Amino acid sequence: MARTTFLLNLLRNPLPILAMSLLLAGCATITAPTGTPPSAERQTGTLRTYRDAIDVGGRLSVQYRQNDKDQAVHGSFTWAQRPGQTVVTLLSPLGQTMATIEITPSLSTLTQAGQAPRTAADVDALAADALGWPLPVSGLRDWLQGFAVDADGGRFIATPRNTENSSVTTGDGWRIRYPSWQDDADMSARNHPKRIDLERSTARAGDVAMRIVIDTWQPR
């Protein structure tokens, strides 16, 4: 009889049932496992991974200032990267070799026609001294593949179709944009940047603007 009376009271006044349901739902929310946050690759839908061995070829154009005058360089380049060694070749529009840079973990060597080879531990400083404009060789190891480290030290992974992941500013002041890809709609591992725009203000060469167009891409 008492149990019947209790059930009848609940039917006449459903608020206790509602309160109990909300309490149970709140407890479930609090005690549910949070799990591990998804990786950047899963968040953006890309499966791209960094490659230690790759051959890249394309075109390069640079605008900068020298002796208070606007200067421009146009040509092409090849980039042969292997674990422990990278060789960069800069070519004129007619295909003549302007400079070759060989990079190893301990030393970098830059060779220009008619000049003695130059060596230095810092490849970026070596390139700027020889060429008269900054070529960020150390950064391009990542940037050519769409990876970078931003100004806050965070890992950046560029992706097509995502405006938030199309540009980044690095800790040394380079502003990088990825305006086009081999396939702008493809989020798979085989996709890669097609064009990369770089900008930076420097004391020696003024405002530097660099455009890289990738024509060949061959992982090894």
N, C-alpha and C. Protein backbone atom coordinates (compact mmCIF):
# COMPACT_ATOMS: atom_id res chain seq x y z
N MET A 1 0.83 -1.21 0.00
CA MET A 1 0.00 0.00 0.00
C MET A 1 0.87 1.26 0.00
N ALA A 2 1.90 1.25 0.83
CA ALA A 2 2.79 2.41 0.90
C ALA A 2 3.48 2.65 -0.44
N ARG A 3 3.92 1.55 -1.10
CA ARG A 3 4.59 1.69 -2.39
C ARG A 3 3.65 2.27 -3.43
N THR A 4 2.36 1.84 -3.41
CA THR A 4 1.37 2.36 -4.35
C THR A 4 1.15 3.85 -4.14
N THR A 5 1.07 4.25 -2.87
CA THR A 5 0.88 5.67 -2.57
C THR A 5 2.06 6.50 -3.06
N PHE A 6 3.30 5.94 -2.89
CA PHE A 6 4.51 6.65 -3.34
C PHE A 6 4.49 6.87 -4.85
N LEU A 7 4.11 5.83 -5.63
CA LEU A 7 4.06 5.95 -7.07
C LEU A 7 3.02 6.94 -7.51
N LEU A 8 1.84 6.93 -6.83
CA LEU A 8 0.80 7.89 -7.19
C LEU A 8 1.25 9.32 -6.95
N ASN A 9 1.99 9.54 -5.84
CA ASN A 9 2.50 10.90 -5.56
C ASN A 9 3.48 11.35 -6.63
N LEU A 10 4.34 10.41 -7.14
CA LEU A 10 5.28 10.77 -8.20
C LEU A 10 4.56 11.14 -9.47
N LEU A 11 3.50 10.42 -9.80
CA LEU A 11 2.76 10.74 -11.02
C LEU A 11 2.08 12.09 -10.92
N ARG A 12 1.57 12.42 -9.69
CA ARG A 12 0.92 13.73 -9.53
C ARG A 12 1.95 14.86 -9.54
N ASN A 13 3.18 14.58 -9.09
CA ASN A 13 4.22 15.62 -9.01
C ASN A 13 5.51 15.08 -9.63
N PRO A 14 5.74 15.27 -10.94
CA PRO A 14 6.90 14.69 -11.63
C PRO A 14 8.20 15.43 -11.38
N LEU A 15 8.21 16.55 -10.65
CA LEU A 15 9.43 17.32 -10.47
C LEU A 15 10.55 16.52 -9.83
N PRO A 16 10.29 15.68 -8.83
CA PRO A 16 11.40 14.89 -8.27
C PRO A 16 12.06 14.00 -9.31
N ILE A 17 11.24 13.42 -10.23
CA ILE A 17 11.83 12.57 -11.27
C ILE A 17 12.74 13.38 -12.17
N LEU A 18 12.27 14.60 -12.57
CA LEU A 18 13.07 15.46 -13.43
C LEU A 18 14.37 15.86 -12.74
N ALA A 19 14.28 16.20 -11.47
CA ALA A 19 15.48 16.60 -10.74
C ALA A 19 16.47 15.47 -10.66
N MET A 20 15.97 14.24 -10.41
CA MET A 20 16.86 13.09 -10.32
C MET A 20 17.53 12.81 -11.66
N SER A 21 16.77 12.98 -12.77
CA SER A 21 17.35 12.74 -14.09
C SER A 21 18.46 13.73 -14.39
N LEU A 22 18.22 15.02 -14.04
CA LEU A 22 19.25 16.02 -14.27
C LEU A 22 20.48 15.75 -13.43
N LEU A 23 20.27 15.28 -12.21
CA LEU A 23 21.41 14.98 -11.35
C LEU A 23 22.24 13.85 -11.91
N LEU A 24 21.56 12.79 -12.39
CA LEU A 24 22.29 11.67 -12.97
C LEU A 24 23.03 12.08 -14.23
N ALA A 25 22.39 12.93 -15.05
CA ALA A 25 23.06 13.39 -16.27
C ALA A 25 24.29 14.21 -15.93
N GLY A 26 24.20 15.07 -14.90
CA GLY A 26 25.34 15.86 -14.50
C GLY A 26 26.48 14.99 -14.01
N CYS A 27 26.16 13.96 -13.25
CA CYS A 27 27.20 13.06 -12.76
C CYS A 27 27.87 12.35 -13.92
N ALA A 28 27.08 11.95 -14.91
CA ALA A 28 27.66 11.25 -16.06
C ALA A 28 28.61 12.15 -16.82
N THR A 29 28.25 13.44 -16.93
CA THR A 29 29.12 14.38 -17.63
C THR A 29 30.43 14.58 -16.90
N ILE A 30 30.38 14.67 -15.60
CA ILE A 30 31.57 14.92 -14.81
C ILE A 30 32.52 13.73 -14.83
N THR A 31 31.97 12.53 -14.78
CA THR A 31 32.81 11.36 -14.63
C THR A 31 33.22 10.74 -15.96
N ALA A 32 32.67 11.26 -17.10
CA ALA A 32 33.02 10.68 -18.39
C ALA A 32 34.48 10.93 -18.69
N PRO A 33 35.22 9.95 -19.27
CA PRO A 33 36.63 10.15 -19.59
C PRO A 33 36.79 11.18 -20.69
N THR A 34 37.80 12.02 -20.54
CA THR A 34 38.02 13.08 -21.52
C THR A 34 38.78 12.58 -22.73
N GLY A 35 39.68 11.61 -22.57
CA GLY A 35 40.44 11.08 -23.70
C GLY A 35 41.56 12.02 -24.10
N THR A 36 42.28 11.66 -25.15
CA THR A 36 43.41 12.45 -25.64
C THR A 36 42.95 13.36 -26.77
N PRO A 37 43.31 14.67 -26.74
CA PRO A 37 42.90 15.56 -27.83
C PRO A 37 43.41 15.04 -29.17
N PRO A 38 42.63 15.21 -30.23
CA PRO A 38 43.08 14.73 -31.54
C PRO A 38 44.30 15.49 -32.00
N SER A 39 45.13 14.84 -32.78
CA SER A 39 46.34 15.47 -33.29
C SER A 39 45.98 16.52 -34.33
N ALA A 40 46.97 17.37 -34.68
CA ALA A 40 46.72 18.40 -35.71
C ALA A 40 46.34 17.77 -37.02
N GLU A 41 46.93 16.61 -37.32
CA GLU A 41 46.60 15.95 -38.58
C GLU A 41 45.13 15.55 -38.62
N ARG A 42 44.62 15.01 -37.49
CA ARG A 42 43.22 14.59 -37.47
C ARG A 42 42.28 15.78 -37.47
N GLN A 43 42.67 16.86 -36.80
CA GLN A 43 41.82 18.04 -36.76
C GLN A 43 41.65 18.65 -38.15
N THR A 44 42.70 18.65 -38.93
CA THR A 44 42.64 19.27 -40.25
C THR A 44 42.28 18.27 -41.34
N GLY A 45 42.28 16.99 -41.02
CA GLY A 45 41.92 15.97 -42.00
C GLY A 45 43.05 15.54 -42.89
N THR A 46 44.26 16.04 -42.67
CA THR A 46 45.37 15.69 -43.53
C THR A 46 46.15 14.52 -42.98
N LEU A 47 46.75 13.74 -43.86
CA LEU A 47 47.57 12.61 -43.47
C LEU A 47 49.03 12.86 -43.83
N ARG A 48 49.38 14.09 -44.19
CA ARG A 48 50.73 14.38 -44.62
C ARG A 48 51.73 14.18 -43.49
N THR A 49 52.89 13.65 -43.83
CA THR A 49 53.98 13.48 -42.89
C THR A 49 55.25 14.09 -43.49
N TYR A 50 56.16 14.47 -42.61
CA TYR A 50 57.42 15.06 -43.05
C TYR A 50 58.31 13.98 -43.66
N ARG A 51 59.02 14.33 -44.74
CA ARG A 51 59.88 13.38 -45.43
C ARG A 51 61.34 13.84 -45.31
N ASP A 52 62.18 12.96 -44.81
CA ASP A 52 63.60 13.28 -44.68
C ASP A 52 64.33 13.25 -46.02
N ALA A 53 63.81 12.48 -46.97
CA ALA A 53 64.45 12.36 -48.28
C ALA A 53 63.46 12.76 -49.36
N ILE A 54 63.78 13.82 -50.10
CA ILE A 54 62.86 14.32 -51.11
C ILE A 54 63.63 15.18 -52.12
N ASP A 55 63.20 15.15 -53.36
CA ASP A 55 63.73 16.03 -54.41
C ASP A 55 62.63 16.98 -54.83
N VAL A 56 62.94 18.27 -54.83
CA VAL A 56 61.98 19.31 -55.19
C VAL A 56 62.63 20.22 -56.23
N GLY A 57 61.86 20.63 -57.22
CA GLY A 57 62.34 21.57 -58.22
C GLY A 57 61.27 22.59 -58.53
N GLY A 58 61.71 23.80 -58.89
CA GLY A 58 60.71 24.82 -59.20
C GLY A 58 61.34 26.14 -59.58
N ARG A 59 60.54 27.19 -59.47
CA ARG A 59 60.97 28.53 -59.84
C ARG A 59 60.98 29.43 -58.63
N LEU A 60 61.86 30.43 -58.69
CA LEU A 60 62.07 31.31 -57.55
C LEU A 60 62.18 32.75 -58.04
N SER A 61 61.48 33.64 -57.34
CA SER A 61 61.64 35.07 -57.62
C SER A 61 61.77 35.81 -56.30
N VAL A 62 62.68 36.79 -56.27
CA VAL A 62 62.98 37.52 -55.04
C VAL A 62 63.03 39.00 -55.34
N GLN A 63 62.42 39.80 -54.49
CA GLN A 63 62.50 41.25 -54.56
C GLN A 63 63.08 41.76 -53.25
N TYR A 64 64.06 42.68 -53.36
CA TYR A 64 64.72 43.20 -52.16
C TYR A 64 65.34 44.55 -52.49
N ARG A 65 66.01 45.14 -51.50
CA ARG A 65 66.67 46.45 -51.68
C ARG A 65 68.17 46.28 -51.50
N GLN A 66 68.93 46.98 -52.34
CA GLN A 66 70.38 46.99 -52.22
C GLN A 66 70.89 48.35 -52.67
N ASN A 67 71.67 49.00 -51.81
CA ASN A 67 72.19 50.35 -52.10
C ASN A 67 71.05 51.31 -52.44
N ASP A 68 69.97 51.22 -51.67
CA ASP A 68 68.80 52.10 -51.83
C ASP A 68 68.11 51.93 -53.19
N LYS A 69 68.30 50.81 -53.83
CA LYS A 69 67.65 50.54 -55.10
C LYS A 69 66.90 49.21 -55.05
N ASP A 70 65.76 49.17 -55.73
CA ASP A 70 65.01 47.92 -55.80
C ASP A 70 65.75 46.92 -56.68
N GLN A 71 65.83 45.70 -56.20
CA GLN A 71 66.51 44.64 -56.93
C GLN A 71 65.54 43.45 -57.08
N ALA A 72 65.77 42.66 -58.11
CA ALA A 72 64.93 41.48 -58.35
C ALA A 72 65.80 40.35 -58.90
N VAL A 73 65.51 39.15 -58.44
CA VAL A 73 66.18 37.94 -58.91
C VAL A 73 65.12 36.96 -59.37
N HIS A 74 65.31 36.39 -60.54
CA HIS A 74 64.39 35.39 -61.06
C HIS A 74 65.20 34.19 -61.55
N GLY A 75 64.67 33.02 -61.36
CA GLY A 75 65.36 31.83 -61.82
C GLY A 75 64.63 30.58 -61.37
N SER A 76 65.38 29.51 -61.31
CA SER A 76 64.81 28.23 -60.88
C SER A 76 65.74 27.61 -59.85
N PHE A 77 65.33 26.49 -59.28
CA PHE A 77 66.14 25.86 -58.25
C PHE A 77 65.86 24.36 -58.23
N THR A 78 66.82 23.63 -57.69
CA THR A 78 66.60 22.22 -57.36
C THR A 78 66.98 22.03 -55.90
N TRP A 79 66.28 21.12 -55.26
CA TRP A 79 66.47 20.85 -53.83
C TRP A 79 66.53 19.34 -53.66
N ALA A 80 67.72 18.82 -53.34
CA ALA A 80 67.92 17.38 -53.14
C ALA A 80 68.23 17.14 -51.67
N GLN A 81 67.27 16.60 -50.95
CA GLN A 81 67.40 16.43 -49.51
C GLN A 81 67.47 14.96 -49.14
N ARG A 82 68.49 14.63 -48.33
CA ARG A 82 68.67 13.29 -47.79
C ARG A 82 69.00 13.41 -46.31
N PRO A 83 68.81 12.35 -45.54
CA PRO A 83 69.23 12.43 -44.13
C PRO A 83 70.71 12.75 -44.02
N GLY A 84 71.02 13.84 -43.37
CA GLY A 84 72.42 14.22 -43.18
C GLY A 84 73.00 15.12 -44.24
N GLN A 85 72.28 15.36 -45.34
CA GLN A 85 72.82 16.22 -46.39
C GLN A 85 71.70 16.78 -47.26
N THR A 86 71.84 18.06 -47.61
CA THR A 86 70.93 18.71 -48.55
C THR A 86 71.76 19.52 -49.53
N VAL A 87 71.42 19.44 -50.82
CA VAL A 87 72.12 20.20 -51.85
C VAL A 87 71.09 21.08 -52.56
N VAL A 88 71.33 22.39 -52.55
CA VAL A 88 70.45 23.36 -53.19
C VAL A 88 71.21 24.00 -54.35
N THR A 89 70.58 24.02 -55.52
CA THR A 89 71.20 24.63 -56.70
C THR A 89 70.29 25.75 -57.20
N LEU A 90 70.86 26.95 -57.34
CA LEU A 90 70.12 28.10 -57.87
C LEU A 90 70.54 28.31 -59.32
N LEU A 91 69.55 28.43 -60.21
CA LEU A 91 69.80 28.53 -61.64
C LEU A 91 69.23 29.83 -62.19
N SER A 92 69.90 30.38 -63.19
CA SER A 92 69.41 31.58 -63.86
C SER A 92 68.23 31.21 -64.77
N PRO A 93 67.51 32.22 -65.30
CA PRO A 93 66.41 31.91 -66.23
C PRO A 93 66.86 31.12 -67.45
N LEU A 94 68.15 31.21 -67.81
CA LEU A 94 68.68 30.47 -68.96
C LEU A 94 69.23 29.10 -68.56
N GLY A 95 69.13 28.76 -67.26
CA GLY A 95 69.57 27.45 -66.82
C GLY A 95 71.01 27.38 -66.36
N GLN A 96 71.68 28.52 -66.26
CA GLN A 96 73.07 28.52 -65.79
C GLN A 96 73.09 28.48 -64.26
N THR A 97 74.03 27.74 -63.70
CA THR A 97 74.15 27.62 -62.25
C THR A 97 74.69 28.91 -61.65
N MET A 98 73.90 29.53 -60.77
CA MET A 98 74.33 30.75 -60.09
C MET A 98 75.03 30.44 -58.77
N ALA A 99 74.53 29.42 -58.07
CA ALA A 99 75.15 29.05 -56.79
C ALA A 99 74.71 27.64 -56.43
N THR A 100 75.59 26.93 -55.75
CA THR A 100 75.28 25.62 -55.20
C THR A 100 75.60 25.63 -53.71
N ILE A 101 74.65 25.15 -52.91
CA ILE A 101 74.82 25.14 -51.46
C ILE A 101 74.70 23.70 -50.99
N GLU A 102 75.72 23.23 -50.30
CA GLU A 102 75.70 21.88 -49.73
C GLU A 102 75.66 22.00 -48.21
N ILE A 103 74.65 21.40 -47.61
CA ILE A 103 74.44 21.53 -46.17
C ILE A 103 74.59 20.18 -45.50
N THR A 104 75.42 20.15 -44.46
CA THR A 104 75.54 18.98 -43.58
C THR A 104 75.30 19.45 -42.15
N PRO A 105 75.13 18.53 -41.20
CA PRO A 105 74.87 18.97 -39.82
C PRO A 105 75.96 19.84 -39.23
N SER A 106 77.20 19.72 -39.69
CA SER A 106 78.31 20.45 -39.08
C SER A 106 78.81 21.62 -39.90
N LEU A 107 78.59 21.61 -41.23
CA LEU A 107 79.18 22.65 -42.07
C LEU A 107 78.36 22.82 -43.35
N SER A 108 78.32 24.06 -43.84
CA SER A 108 77.67 24.35 -45.12
C SER A 108 78.68 24.99 -46.05
N THR A 109 78.59 24.64 -47.33
CA THR A 109 79.52 25.15 -48.34
C THR A 109 78.72 25.76 -49.49
N LEU A 110 79.05 26.98 -49.87
CA LEU A 110 78.40 27.67 -50.98
C LEU A 110 79.43 27.92 -52.07
N THR A 111 79.08 27.54 -53.28
CA THR A 111 79.99 27.69 -54.41
C THR A 111 79.33 28.51 -55.50
N GLN A 112 80.04 29.53 -56.00
CA GLN A 112 79.59 30.34 -57.12
C GLN A 112 80.65 30.30 -58.21
N ALA A 113 80.20 30.42 -59.44
CA ALA A 113 81.13 30.34 -60.58
C ALA A 113 82.19 31.43 -60.48
N GLY A 114 83.45 31.02 -60.66
CA GLY A 114 84.55 31.97 -60.66
C GLY A 114 84.97 32.45 -59.30
N GLN A 115 84.41 31.87 -58.22
CA GLN A 115 84.77 32.29 -56.87
C GLN A 115 85.17 31.07 -56.04
N ALA A 116 85.99 31.30 -55.05
CA ALA A 116 86.38 30.23 -54.14
C ALA A 116 85.18 29.83 -53.28
N PRO A 117 85.04 28.56 -52.97
CA PRO A 117 83.93 28.12 -52.11
C PRO A 117 83.97 28.81 -50.75
N ARG A 118 82.79 29.11 -50.22
CA ARG A 118 82.69 29.69 -48.89
C ARG A 118 82.08 28.65 -47.96
N THR A 119 82.53 28.64 -46.72
CA THR A 119 82.01 27.69 -45.74
C THR A 119 81.61 28.43 -44.47
N ALA A 120 80.61 27.86 -43.78
CA ALA A 120 80.17 28.42 -42.51
C ALA A 120 79.28 27.39 -41.82
N ALA A 121 79.16 27.52 -40.53
CA ALA A 121 78.28 26.63 -39.78
C ALA A 121 76.82 27.04 -39.95
N ASP A 122 76.56 28.35 -40.11
CA ASP A 122 75.20 28.89 -40.26
C ASP A 122 74.90 29.06 -41.74
N VAL A 123 74.09 28.19 -42.30
CA VAL A 123 73.83 28.24 -43.74
C VAL A 123 73.05 29.48 -44.14
N ASP A 124 72.16 29.97 -43.30
CA ASP A 124 71.38 31.15 -43.65
C ASP A 124 72.28 32.39 -43.73
N ALA A 125 73.19 32.54 -42.77
CA ALA A 125 74.13 33.67 -42.81
C ALA A 125 75.06 33.55 -44.00
N LEU A 126 75.48 32.32 -44.31
CA LEU A 126 76.35 32.09 -45.46
C LEU A 126 75.66 32.51 -46.75
N ALA A 127 74.41 32.12 -46.93
CA ALA A 127 73.68 32.46 -48.15
C ALA A 127 73.45 33.97 -48.26
N ALA A 128 73.09 34.62 -47.16
CA ALA A 128 72.85 36.07 -47.20
C ALA A 128 74.12 36.83 -47.54
N ASP A 129 75.25 36.42 -46.99
CA ASP A 129 76.51 37.11 -47.28
C ASP A 129 76.92 36.95 -48.74
N ALA A 130 76.70 35.76 -49.30
CA ALA A 130 77.14 35.50 -50.67
C ALA A 130 76.18 36.07 -51.70
N LEU A 131 74.87 35.97 -51.45
CA LEU A 131 73.88 36.35 -52.45
C LEU A 131 73.46 37.82 -52.34
N GLY A 132 73.57 38.39 -51.15
CA GLY A 132 73.11 39.76 -50.96
C GLY A 132 71.66 39.86 -50.55
N TRP A 133 70.98 38.76 -50.47
CA TRP A 133 69.59 38.70 -50.01
C TRP A 133 69.39 37.40 -49.22
N PRO A 134 68.46 37.39 -48.27
CA PRO A 134 68.33 36.23 -47.39
C PRO A 134 67.61 35.06 -48.06
N LEU A 135 68.26 33.92 -48.05
CA LEU A 135 67.64 32.68 -48.50
C LEU A 135 67.55 31.76 -47.28
N PRO A 136 66.36 31.58 -46.72
CA PRO A 136 66.23 30.83 -45.45
C PRO A 136 66.31 29.32 -45.66
N VAL A 137 67.50 28.83 -45.97
CA VAL A 137 67.68 27.42 -46.31
C VAL A 137 67.26 26.52 -45.15
N SER A 138 67.65 26.87 -43.93
CA SER A 138 67.33 26.01 -42.78
C SER A 138 65.82 25.89 -42.59
N GLY A 139 65.09 26.99 -42.79
CA GLY A 139 63.64 26.93 -42.65
C GLY A 139 62.95 26.21 -43.78
N LEU A 140 63.51 26.34 -44.99
CA LEU A 140 62.87 25.73 -46.16
C LEU A 140 62.84 24.21 -46.08
N ARG A 141 63.67 23.60 -45.28
CA ARG A 141 63.59 22.15 -45.09
C ARG A 141 62.19 21.75 -44.63
N ASP A 142 61.57 22.58 -43.81
CA ASP A 142 60.20 22.33 -43.36
C ASP A 142 59.17 23.00 -44.26
N TRP A 143 59.45 24.26 -44.64
CA TRP A 143 58.44 25.07 -45.32
C TRP A 143 58.06 24.51 -46.68
N LEU A 144 59.03 23.94 -47.40
CA LEU A 144 58.72 23.38 -48.71
C LEU A 144 57.69 22.25 -48.61
N GLN A 145 57.61 21.61 -47.46
CA GLN A 145 56.67 20.51 -47.27
C GLN A 145 55.41 20.93 -46.51
N GLY A 146 55.30 22.23 -46.20
CA GLY A 146 54.09 22.72 -45.55
C GLY A 146 54.11 22.63 -44.04
N PHE A 147 55.29 22.54 -43.45
CA PHE A 147 55.42 22.51 -41.99
C PHE A 147 56.24 23.72 -41.55
N ALA A 148 56.02 24.16 -40.30
CA ALA A 148 56.79 25.28 -39.76
C ALA A 148 56.63 25.29 -38.25
N VAL A 149 57.43 26.12 -37.60
CA VAL A 149 57.29 26.40 -36.17
C VAL A 149 56.94 27.88 -36.06
N ASP A 150 55.81 28.19 -35.42
CA ASP A 150 55.36 29.57 -35.38
C ASP A 150 56.13 30.38 -34.34
N ALA A 151 55.77 31.67 -34.23
CA ALA A 151 56.50 32.58 -33.35
C ALA A 151 56.41 32.19 -31.89
N ASP A 152 55.39 31.42 -31.51
CA ASP A 152 55.23 30.98 -30.13
C ASP A 152 55.84 29.60 -29.88
N GLY A 153 56.50 29.06 -30.89
CA GLY A 153 57.12 27.75 -30.72
C GLY A 153 56.19 26.59 -31.01
N GLY A 154 54.99 26.86 -31.49
CA GLY A 154 54.04 25.80 -31.79
C GLY A 154 54.25 25.21 -33.17
N ARG A 155 53.87 23.96 -33.34
CA ARG A 155 54.03 23.27 -34.62
C ARG A 155 52.89 23.67 -35.55
N PHE A 156 53.23 24.11 -36.76
CA PHE A 156 52.26 24.55 -37.75
C PHE A 156 52.25 23.56 -38.91
N ILE A 157 51.05 23.15 -39.33
CA ILE A 157 50.89 22.26 -40.47
C ILE A 157 49.92 22.92 -41.44
N ALA A 158 50.42 23.33 -42.60
CA ALA A 158 49.58 23.99 -43.60
C ALA A 158 48.68 22.97 -44.28
N THR A 159 47.47 23.39 -44.61
CA THR A 159 46.53 22.52 -45.30
C THR A 159 45.72 23.33 -46.30
N PRO A 160 45.32 22.72 -47.41
CA PRO A 160 44.42 23.41 -48.34
C PRO A 160 43.02 23.49 -47.76
N ARG A 161 42.22 24.42 -48.30
CA ARG A 161 40.82 24.59 -47.91
C ARG A 161 40.65 25.02 -46.45
N ASN A 162 41.71 25.49 -45.81
CA ASN A 162 41.61 25.92 -44.42
C ASN A 162 42.36 27.24 -44.28
N THR A 163 41.63 28.36 -44.24
CA THR A 163 42.28 29.67 -44.23
C THR A 163 43.11 29.87 -42.97
N GLU A 164 42.73 29.26 -41.84
CA GLU A 164 43.50 29.40 -40.62
C GLU A 164 44.85 28.72 -40.73
N ASN A 165 44.95 27.70 -41.58
CA ASN A 165 46.19 26.96 -41.73
C ASN A 165 46.86 27.26 -43.07
N SER A 166 46.68 28.45 -43.59
CA SER A 166 47.29 28.82 -44.86
C SER A 166 48.43 29.82 -44.69
N SER A 167 48.64 30.34 -43.48
CA SER A 167 49.72 31.30 -43.27
C SER A 167 50.24 31.19 -41.84
N VAL A 168 51.49 31.62 -41.65
CA VAL A 168 52.12 31.55 -40.33
C VAL A 168 53.27 32.53 -40.30
N THR A 169 53.61 33.03 -39.12
CA THR A 169 54.79 33.85 -38.91
C THR A 169 55.75 33.10 -38.00
N THR A 170 56.99 32.99 -38.43
CA THR A 170 57.98 32.21 -37.68
C THR A 170 58.65 33.07 -36.62
N GLY A 171 59.43 32.42 -35.76
CA GLY A 171 60.11 33.13 -34.69
C GLY A 171 61.16 34.10 -35.19
N ASP A 172 61.73 33.86 -36.37
CA ASP A 172 62.74 34.78 -36.91
C ASP A 172 62.15 35.80 -37.88
N GLY A 173 60.81 35.92 -37.90
CA GLY A 173 60.18 37.03 -38.61
C GLY A 173 59.72 36.75 -40.02
N TRP A 174 59.86 35.53 -40.53
CA TRP A 174 59.36 35.23 -41.86
C TRP A 174 57.84 35.02 -41.82
N ARG A 175 57.14 35.69 -42.72
CA ARG A 175 55.70 35.50 -42.89
C ARG A 175 55.49 34.58 -44.09
N ILE A 176 54.87 33.44 -43.86
CA ILE A 176 54.75 32.40 -44.88
C ILE A 176 53.28 32.22 -45.23
N ARG A 177 52.99 32.19 -46.53
CA ARG A 177 51.64 31.91 -46.99
C ARG A 177 51.68 30.76 -48.00
N TYR A 178 50.62 29.95 -47.97
CA TYR A 178 50.46 28.83 -48.90
C TYR A 178 49.20 29.07 -49.73
N PRO A 179 49.28 29.91 -50.78
CA PRO A 179 48.08 30.27 -51.54
C PRO A 179 47.56 29.19 -52.47
N SER A 180 48.39 28.21 -52.85
CA SER A 180 47.89 27.17 -53.75
C SER A 180 48.62 25.86 -53.50
N TRP A 181 47.91 24.77 -53.86
CA TRP A 181 48.41 23.43 -53.65
C TRP A 181 48.35 22.65 -54.96
N GLN A 182 49.03 21.52 -54.97
CA GLN A 182 48.95 20.65 -56.14
C GLN A 182 47.50 20.33 -56.47
N ASP A 183 46.71 20.08 -55.44
CA ASP A 183 45.26 19.91 -55.58
C ASP A 183 44.62 20.61 -54.40
N ASP A 184 43.97 21.75 -54.66
CA ASP A 184 43.42 22.56 -53.57
C ASP A 184 42.29 21.88 -52.80
N ALA A 185 41.74 20.80 -53.35
CA ALA A 185 40.64 20.11 -52.68
C ALA A 185 41.07 18.78 -52.06
N ASP A 186 42.34 18.44 -52.19
CA ASP A 186 42.81 17.12 -51.76
C ASP A 186 43.47 17.22 -50.40
N MET A 187 42.97 16.46 -49.42
CA MET A 187 43.54 16.48 -48.08
C MET A 187 44.37 15.23 -47.79
N SER A 188 44.77 14.49 -48.82
CA SER A 188 45.46 13.23 -48.61
C SER A 188 46.97 13.42 -48.48
N ALA A 189 47.66 12.32 -48.20
CA ALA A 189 49.10 12.37 -47.95
C ALA A 189 49.89 12.77 -49.18
N ARG A 190 49.38 12.53 -50.37
CA ARG A 190 50.16 12.82 -51.58
C ARG A 190 50.12 14.29 -51.99
N ASN A 191 49.24 15.07 -51.39
CA ASN A 191 49.15 16.49 -51.75
C ASN A 191 50.32 17.27 -51.17
N HIS A 192 50.69 18.36 -51.83
CA HIS A 192 51.81 19.16 -51.36
C HIS A 192 51.65 20.60 -51.84
N PRO A 193 52.36 21.56 -51.21
CA PRO A 193 52.24 22.96 -51.64
C PRO A 193 52.69 23.13 -53.08
N LYS A 194 51.98 23.98 -53.78
CA LYS A 194 52.34 24.34 -55.15
C LYS A 194 53.02 25.70 -55.21
N ARG A 195 52.60 26.61 -54.34
CA ARG A 195 53.21 27.94 -54.30
C ARG A 195 53.36 28.38 -52.85
N ILE A 196 54.51 29.00 -52.56
CA ILE A 196 54.80 29.49 -51.22
C ILE A 196 55.26 30.93 -51.34
N ASP A 197 54.64 31.84 -50.57
CA ASP A 197 55.04 33.25 -50.56
C ASP A 197 55.69 33.56 -49.21
N LEU A 198 56.87 34.20 -49.26
CA LEU A 198 57.61 34.54 -48.05
C LEU A 198 57.86 36.04 -48.02
N GLU A 199 57.76 36.63 -46.83
CA GLU A 199 58.05 38.04 -46.65
C GLU A 199 58.78 38.24 -45.33
N ARG A 200 59.70 39.21 -45.35
CA ARG A 200 60.40 39.53 -44.11
C ARG A 200 61.07 40.89 -44.25
N SER A 201 61.09 41.66 -43.19
CA SER A 201 61.81 42.93 -43.14
C SER A 201 63.19 42.68 -42.57
N THR A 202 64.22 43.16 -43.28
CA THR A 202 65.60 42.96 -42.85
C THR A 202 66.33 44.29 -42.83
N ALA A 203 67.39 44.35 -42.02
CA ALA A 203 68.20 45.56 -41.96
C ALA A 203 69.08 45.70 -43.18
N ARG A 204 69.50 44.59 -43.75
CA ARG A 204 70.46 44.62 -44.85
C ARG A 204 69.79 44.73 -46.22
N ALA A 205 68.70 43.99 -46.43
CA ALA A 205 68.07 43.94 -47.75
C ALA A 205 66.68 44.56 -47.76
N GLY A 206 66.32 45.30 -46.73
CA GLY A 206 65.02 45.95 -46.69
C GLY A 206 63.89 44.94 -46.59
N ASP A 207 62.75 45.30 -47.19
CA ASP A 207 61.61 44.38 -47.22
C ASP A 207 61.84 43.36 -48.33
N VAL A 208 61.91 42.12 -47.94
CA VAL A 208 62.19 41.03 -48.87
C VAL A 208 60.89 40.27 -49.15
N ALA A 209 60.60 40.07 -50.43
CA ALA A 209 59.43 39.27 -50.85
C ALA A 209 59.94 38.16 -51.76
N MET A 210 59.56 36.94 -51.44
CA MET A 210 60.03 35.78 -52.19
C MET A 210 58.83 34.92 -52.58
N ARG A 211 58.83 34.47 -53.83
CA ARG A 211 57.79 33.56 -54.30
C ARG A 211 58.44 32.28 -54.81
N ILE A 212 57.94 31.16 -54.34
CA ILE A 212 58.45 29.85 -54.75
C ILE A 212 57.29 29.08 -55.40
N VAL A 213 57.51 28.61 -56.61
CA VAL A 213 56.55 27.77 -57.31
C VAL A 213 57.18 26.40 -57.48
N ILE A 214 56.51 25.37 -56.98
CA ILE A 214 57.04 24.01 -57.03
C ILE A 214 56.50 23.32 -58.28
N ASP A 215 57.43 22.88 -59.13
CA ASP A 215 57.06 22.19 -60.37
C ASP A 215 57.23 20.67 -60.29
N THR A 216 58.25 20.23 -59.56
CA THR A 216 58.50 18.79 -59.42
C THR A 216 58.62 18.44 -57.95
N TRP A 217 58.12 17.26 -57.62
CA TRP A 217 58.06 16.82 -56.21
C TRP A 217 58.22 15.30 -56.19
N GLN A 218 59.34 14.83 -55.66
CA GLN A 218 59.61 13.40 -55.70
C GLN A 218 60.17 12.90 -54.36
N PRO A 219 59.33 12.32 -53.50
CA PRO A 219 59.85 11.71 -52.26
C PRO A 219 60.78 10.54 -52.61
N ARG A 220 61.79 10.34 -51.77
CA ARG A 220 62.76 9.26 -51.99
C ARG A 220 62.72 8.26 -50.84
